[in-house]
Amino acid sequence: MGTLQPCDISFEFFPPRTDAGRDKLMQVRDRLAGYDPKFFSVTFGAGGSTRNHTYDTVCDMRQSGINTAPHLSCVSSDKGELRELLLRYRELGIDRLVALRGDMPSGTMAAGELRYASELIEFIREETGDHFNLAVAAYPECHPQAASLERDLEFFAAKVRAGADIAITQYFFDADAYFYFVERVQRLGIAVPVIPGIMPITNYTKLARFSETCGASIPRWVSKQLEAYGDDNDSIRAFGEEVVTRLCQRLVEGGVPGLHFYTLNQAEASLNVLNNLSLR
């Protein structure tokens, strides 16, 4: 494969819960930092302990010298808690955030004062002005809870108009879904960069479970081949690498502003795809 035009690369991590997981993640961080990514992002969940894990992981990521973007969710958060987090991140030198609604709570957890990502973005802008570069989520195949593509596009437009700077998509395996989404966004006069989210394929069972939850579709020909490999993990990884490499090649050839890899705290699969693309 010939060298493609360069584009920005970013990587996403989740906060480890054990010392062993943290040590492993720091090794992954150092390997991926060699690709000079635009930023690392760190996911965020409801509940105090998870939030503390996010903050600690952000501190660890910044030691690499790479710009780090914490995720911030309004679900199960009140304005006081969010205000405190924004202050802590500013004191840490953070100038980039990923602003999300988050998963709606179940059981005894309250939804929080802010219900939608657009409201969270408005709140961040009111509190901090233009200090943060704000990224929001986009769904080329439609948010799983949206009533229609049109309604989902309206919610996306509201987030951008509230003050978002860029968007990062849910992962997908159909490049046409991405390009069609961007085309429709541009028709609305929305010009923010839309960065495709990339999910390496290393485990079919986990991928199928994730995809069912988040509404990402796996092409039938891909799922059938992965099913045929059964427990042959080497073949699953090799086939998955080929599928994702071809997807990224088409995206980069189509002029995407970047590629955002959902690493699942692993380095190998993302690096293999990037090395295949010769984007260094």
Protein backbone atom coordinates (compact mmCIF):
# COMPACT_ATOMS: atom_id res chain seq x y z
CA MET A 1 0.00 0.00 0.00
CA GLY A 2 1.41 3.38 -1.00
CA THR A 3 1.77 6.31 1.37
CA LEU A 4 -1.45 8.26 1.87
CA GLN A 5 -1.83 11.93 2.66
CA PRO A 6 -1.22 12.52 6.38
CA CYS A 7 -4.12 13.26 8.70
CA ASP A 8 -4.45 13.78 12.44
CA ILE A 9 -4.47 10.66 14.59
CA SER A 10 -5.95 10.35 18.09
CA PHE A 11 -6.43 7.49 20.53
CA GLU A 12 -9.06 6.77 23.17
CA PHE A 13 -8.56 4.96 26.48
CA PHE A 14 -10.68 3.97 29.44
CA PRO A 15 -9.48 4.41 33.04
CA PRO A 16 -7.94 1.22 34.47
CA ARG A 17 -9.20 0.07 37.85
CA THR A 18 -6.12 -1.78 39.09
CA ASP A 19 -2.42 -1.01 39.48
CA ALA A 20 -1.60 -3.74 36.97
CA GLY A 21 -4.02 -2.22 34.48
CA ARG A 22 -2.47 1.20 35.01
CA ASP A 23 1.06 -0.12 34.44
CA LYS A 24 -0.05 -1.83 31.25
CA LEU A 25 -1.82 1.29 30.01
CA MET A 26 1.30 3.39 30.50
CA GLN A 27 3.17 0.98 28.22
CA VAL A 28 0.39 1.27 25.64
CA ARG A 29 0.48 5.06 25.99
CA ASP A 30 4.20 5.20 25.30
CA ARG A 31 3.92 3.01 22.21
CA LEU A 32 1.07 5.05 20.74
CA ALA A 33 2.76 8.34 21.62
CA GLY A 34 5.37 7.40 19.03
CA TYR A 35 2.79 8.18 16.35
CA ASP A 36 2.68 11.81 17.55
CA PRO A 37 -1.11 11.82 17.98
CA LYS A 38 -3.11 15.04 18.02
CA PHE A 39 -4.54 14.02 21.38
CA PHE A 40 -5.39 11.17 23.72
CA SER A 41 -8.93 10.98 25.13
CA VAL A 42 -10.03 9.33 28.37
CA THR A 43 -13.57 8.08 28.92
CA PHE A 44 -15.78 9.04 31.84
CA GLY A 45 -18.57 7.27 33.70
CA ALA A 46 -21.19 8.13 36.25
CA GLY A 47 -20.21 7.79 39.89
CA GLY A 48 -17.47 9.37 41.96
CA SER A 49 -14.92 6.53 41.87
CA THR A 50 -15.06 6.29 38.08
CA ARG A 51 -14.62 10.03 37.76
CA ASN A 52 -11.57 9.93 39.99
CA HIS A 53 -10.13 7.16 37.83
CA THR A 54 -10.65 9.40 34.80
CA TYR A 55 -8.85 12.33 36.42
CA ASP A 56 -5.94 10.13 37.54
CA THR A 57 -5.64 8.61 34.06
CA VAL A 58 -5.65 12.06 32.46
CA CYS A 59 -2.75 13.02 34.73
CA ASP A 60 -0.89 9.87 33.65
CA MET A 61 -1.55 10.55 29.97
CA ARG A 62 -0.26 14.10 30.17
CA GLN A 63 3.11 12.81 31.32
CA SER A 64 3.67 11.61 27.76
CA GLY A 65 3.61 15.21 26.52
CA ILE A 66 0.54 14.48 24.36
CA ASN A 67 -2.47 16.79 24.61
CA THR A 68 -5.15 14.93 26.57
CA ALA A 69 -8.93 15.31 26.32
CA PRO A 70 -11.02 14.04 29.25
CA HIS A 71 -14.57 12.95 28.52
CA LEU A 72 -17.21 14.82 30.47
CA SER A 73 -20.79 13.58 30.85
CA CYS A 74 -23.76 15.50 32.19
CA VAL A 75 -25.77 12.42 33.16
CA SER A 76 -25.87 11.92 36.94
CA SER A 77 -23.89 15.16 37.44
CA ASP A 78 -25.04 18.42 38.93
CA LYS A 79 -23.68 21.80 37.92
CA GLY A 80 -21.58 22.09 41.05
CA GLU A 81 -19.77 18.83 40.33
CA LEU A 82 -19.22 19.80 36.70
CA ARG A 83 -17.98 23.25 37.68
CA GLU A 84 -15.45 21.66 40.06
CA LEU A 85 -14.22 19.29 37.36
CA LEU A 86 -13.81 22.11 34.85
CA LEU A 87 -11.74 24.04 37.38
CA ARG A 88 -9.55 21.02 38.15
CA TYR A 89 -8.91 20.42 34.48
CA ARG A 90 -8.06 24.05 33.84
CA GLU A 91 -5.61 23.97 36.76
CA LEU A 92 -4.08 20.84 35.22
CA GLY A 93 -3.52 22.68 31.95
CA ILE A 94 -6.19 20.80 30.00
CA ASP A 95 -7.62 22.76 27.06
CA ARG A 96 -9.58 20.03 25.25
CA LEU A 97 -12.70 18.08 26.32
CA VAL A 98 -15.09 15.53 24.86
CA ALA A 99 -18.57 16.62 25.96
CA LEU A 100 -21.22 13.89 26.04
CA ARG A 101 -24.67 13.25 27.42
CA GLY A 102 -23.62 9.83 28.69
CA ASP A 103 -25.70 6.71 29.28
CA MET A 104 -28.99 7.34 31.02
CA PRO A 105 -28.94 6.01 34.59
CA SER A 106 -30.98 3.15 35.93
CA GLY A 107 -32.18 2.31 39.43
CA THR A 108 -31.62 4.97 42.07
CA MET A 109 -29.27 7.25 40.13
CA ALA A 110 -30.67 10.63 39.09
CA ALA A 111 -30.35 11.95 35.54
CA GLY A 112 -28.71 15.19 36.65
CA GLU A 113 -29.46 18.88 36.11
CA LEU A 114 -28.45 18.82 32.44
CA ARG A 115 -30.25 16.36 30.21
CA TYR A 116 -28.56 16.75 26.83
CA ALA A 117 -25.06 17.22 25.48
CA SER A 118 -26.08 20.56 23.97
CA GLU A 119 -26.98 21.80 27.47
CA LEU A 120 -23.62 20.58 28.79
CA ILE A 121 -21.79 22.45 26.01
CA GLU A 122 -23.72 25.63 26.75
CA PHE A 123 -22.83 25.25 30.44
CA ILE A 124 -19.12 24.76 29.68
CA ARG A 125 -19.09 27.82 27.44
CA GLU A 126 -20.86 29.90 30.09
CA GLU A 127 -18.35 28.79 32.74
CA THR A 128 -15.11 28.84 30.75
CA GLY A 129 -15.67 30.80 27.54
CA ASP A 130 -13.42 29.61 24.73
CA HIS A 131 -10.81 28.00 26.97
CA PHE A 132 -11.67 24.43 25.90
CA ASN A 133 -11.71 22.93 22.45
CA LEU A 134 -14.93 20.89 22.66
CA ALA A 135 -15.55 17.64 20.82
CA VAL A 136 -18.97 16.02 20.60
CA ALA A 137 -20.27 12.65 19.46
CA ALA A 138 -21.72 11.99 16.00
CA TYR A 139 -23.59 8.92 14.77
CA PRO A 140 -23.24 8.16 11.03
CA GLU A 141 -25.69 5.25 11.40
CA CYS A 142 -28.02 7.17 13.75
CA HIS A 143 -28.03 7.20 17.55
CA PRO A 144 -29.72 4.00 18.79
CA GLN A 145 -32.28 6.03 20.77
CA ALA A 146 -33.08 8.56 18.03
CA ALA A 147 -36.54 8.43 16.47
CA SER A 148 -35.15 9.03 12.97
CA LEU A 149 -32.08 10.11 11.03
CA GLU A 150 -33.58 13.58 10.74
CA ARG A 151 -34.10 13.94 14.49
CA ASP A 152 -30.62 12.65 15.19
CA LEU A 153 -29.20 15.23 12.77
CA GLU A 154 -31.16 17.96 14.56
CA PHE A 155 -29.62 16.95 17.90
CA PHE A 156 -26.17 16.96 16.33
CA ALA A 157 -26.73 20.42 14.86
CA ALA A 158 -27.87 21.68 18.29
CA LYS A 159 -24.60 20.50 19.85
CA VAL A 160 -22.53 22.28 17.23
CA ARG A 161 -24.53 25.49 17.53
CA ALA A 162 -24.14 25.36 21.29
CA GLY A 163 -20.38 25.69 20.84
CA ALA A 164 -18.76 22.42 19.72
CA ASP A 165 -15.51 22.69 17.76
CA ILE A 166 -15.19 19.17 16.35
CA ALA A 167 -17.11 15.89 16.28
CA ILE A 168 -15.93 12.32 16.74
CA THR A 169 -18.15 9.58 15.34
CA GLN A 170 -19.28 6.32 16.80
CA TYR A 171 -17.35 3.55 15.08
CA PHE A 172 -18.69 2.08 11.85
CA PHE A 173 -17.54 -0.27 9.11
CA ASP A 174 -19.30 1.30 6.12
CA ALA A 175 -17.42 4.31 4.75
CA ASP A 176 -20.50 5.39 2.78
CA ALA A 177 -22.40 5.91 6.05
CA TYR A 178 -19.73 8.38 7.14
CA PHE A 179 -19.56 10.28 3.86
CA TYR A 180 -23.35 10.50 3.63
CA PHE A 181 -23.54 11.83 7.19
CA VAL A 182 -20.91 14.52 6.48
CA GLU A 183 -22.70 15.49 3.28
CA ARG A 184 -25.98 15.98 5.16
CA VAL A 185 -24.24 17.95 7.91
CA GLN A 186 -22.68 20.28 5.35
CA ARG A 187 -26.06 20.89 3.74
CA LEU A 188 -27.16 22.34 7.08
CA GLY A 189 -24.27 24.79 6.95
CA ILE A 190 -22.31 22.99 9.67
CA ALA A 191 -18.60 23.11 8.96
CA VAL A 192 -16.97 21.51 12.03
CA PRO A 193 -14.50 18.71 11.30
CA VAL A 194 -16.10 15.27 11.71
CA ILE A 195 -13.46 12.74 12.72
CA PRO A 196 -14.34 9.09 12.06
CA GLY A 197 -14.08 6.77 15.06
CA ILE A 198 -12.23 3.54 14.27
CA MET A 199 -12.71 0.27 16.16
CA PRO A 200 -10.00 -2.35 15.53
CA ILE A 201 -11.37 -5.90 15.31
CA THR A 202 -9.67 -8.35 17.66
CA ASN A 203 -12.53 -10.24 19.32
CA TYR A 204 -15.80 -10.95 17.55
CA THR A 205 -17.84 -11.71 20.68
CA LYS A 206 -16.95 -8.39 22.30
CA LEU A 207 -17.41 -6.49 19.03
CA ALA A 208 -20.89 -7.94 18.52
CA ARG A 209 -21.88 -7.02 22.08
CA PHE A 210 -20.53 -3.46 21.79
CA SER A 211 -22.21 -2.99 18.42
CA GLU A 212 -25.60 -4.12 19.65
CA THR A 213 -25.41 -1.65 22.53
CA CYS A 214 -24.25 1.39 20.59
CA GLY A 215 -26.16 0.82 17.35
CA ALA A 216 -23.13 0.24 15.11
CA SER A 217 -23.81 -2.27 12.34
CA ILE A 218 -21.36 -5.00 11.31
CA PRO A 219 -21.63 -5.83 7.59
CA ARG A 220 -23.02 -9.32 7.05
CA TRP A 221 -19.99 -10.48 5.08
CA VAL A 222 -17.72 -9.38 7.94
CA SER A 223 -19.78 -11.02 10.68
CA LYS A 224 -20.12 -14.27 8.71
CA GLN A 225 -16.37 -14.51 8.19
CA LEU A 226 -15.64 -13.72 11.83
CA GLU A 227 -18.17 -16.34 12.94
CA ALA A 228 -16.53 -18.90 10.66
CA TYR A 229 -13.18 -18.44 12.42
CA GLY A 230 -14.70 -19.56 15.73
CA ASP A 231 -11.97 -19.55 18.39
CA ASP A 232 -9.15 -18.99 15.89
CA ASN A 233 -8.05 -15.66 17.37
CA ASP A 234 -5.08 -15.24 15.04
CA SER A 235 -7.32 -15.46 11.99
CA ILE A 236 -9.86 -13.09 13.57
CA ARG A 237 -7.14 -10.52 14.21
CA ALA A 238 -5.63 -10.86 10.73
CA PHE A 239 -8.99 -10.57 8.99
CA GLY A 240 -10.05 -7.72 11.26
CA GLU A 241 -6.83 -5.85 10.51
CA GLU A 242 -7.47 -6.18 6.78
CA VAL A 243 -11.08 -4.97 7.07
CA VAL A 244 -10.21 -1.95 9.22
CA THR A 245 -7.16 -1.06 7.11
CA ARG A 246 -9.29 -0.97 3.96
CA LEU A 247 -11.91 1.14 5.73
CA CYS A 248 -9.29 3.64 6.89
CA GLN A 249 -7.67 3.73 3.47
CA ARG A 250 -10.94 4.73 1.85
CA LEU A 251 -11.62 7.31 4.53
CA VAL A 252 -8.20 8.93 4.21
CA GLU A 253 -8.45 8.91 0.41
CA GLY A 254 -11.80 10.66 0.86
CA GLY A 255 -10.15 13.49 2.78
CA VAL A 256 -11.14 12.86 6.41
CA PRO A 257 -9.64 15.34 8.91
CA GLY A 258 -8.40 12.57 11.17
CA LEU A 259 -8.79 9.04 12.53
CA HIS A 260 -9.78 8.43 16.16
CA PHE A 261 -8.94 4.91 17.37
CA TYR A 262 -10.94 3.21 20.11
CA THR A 263 -7.99 1.30 21.50
CA LEU A 264 -9.67 -0.62 24.35
CA ASN A 265 -6.34 0.05 26.12
CA GLN A 266 -4.41 -2.04 23.59
CA ALA A 267 -1.73 -0.80 21.17
CA GLU A 268 -1.06 -3.59 18.69
CA ALA A 269 -4.24 -3.55 16.59
CA SER A 270 -4.27 0.22 16.08
CA LEU A 271 -0.55 0.32 15.29
CA ASN A 272 -0.87 -2.49 12.76
CA VAL A 273 -3.56 -0.59 10.87
CA LEU A 274 -1.59 2.66 10.95
CA ASN A 275 1.59 0.95 9.79
CA ASN A 276 -0.36 -0.64 6.91
CA LEU A 277 -1.56 2.83 5.90
CA SER A 278 1.94 4.34 6.04
CA LEU A 279 0.57 7.53 7.62
CA ARG A 280 3.56 8.24 9.86
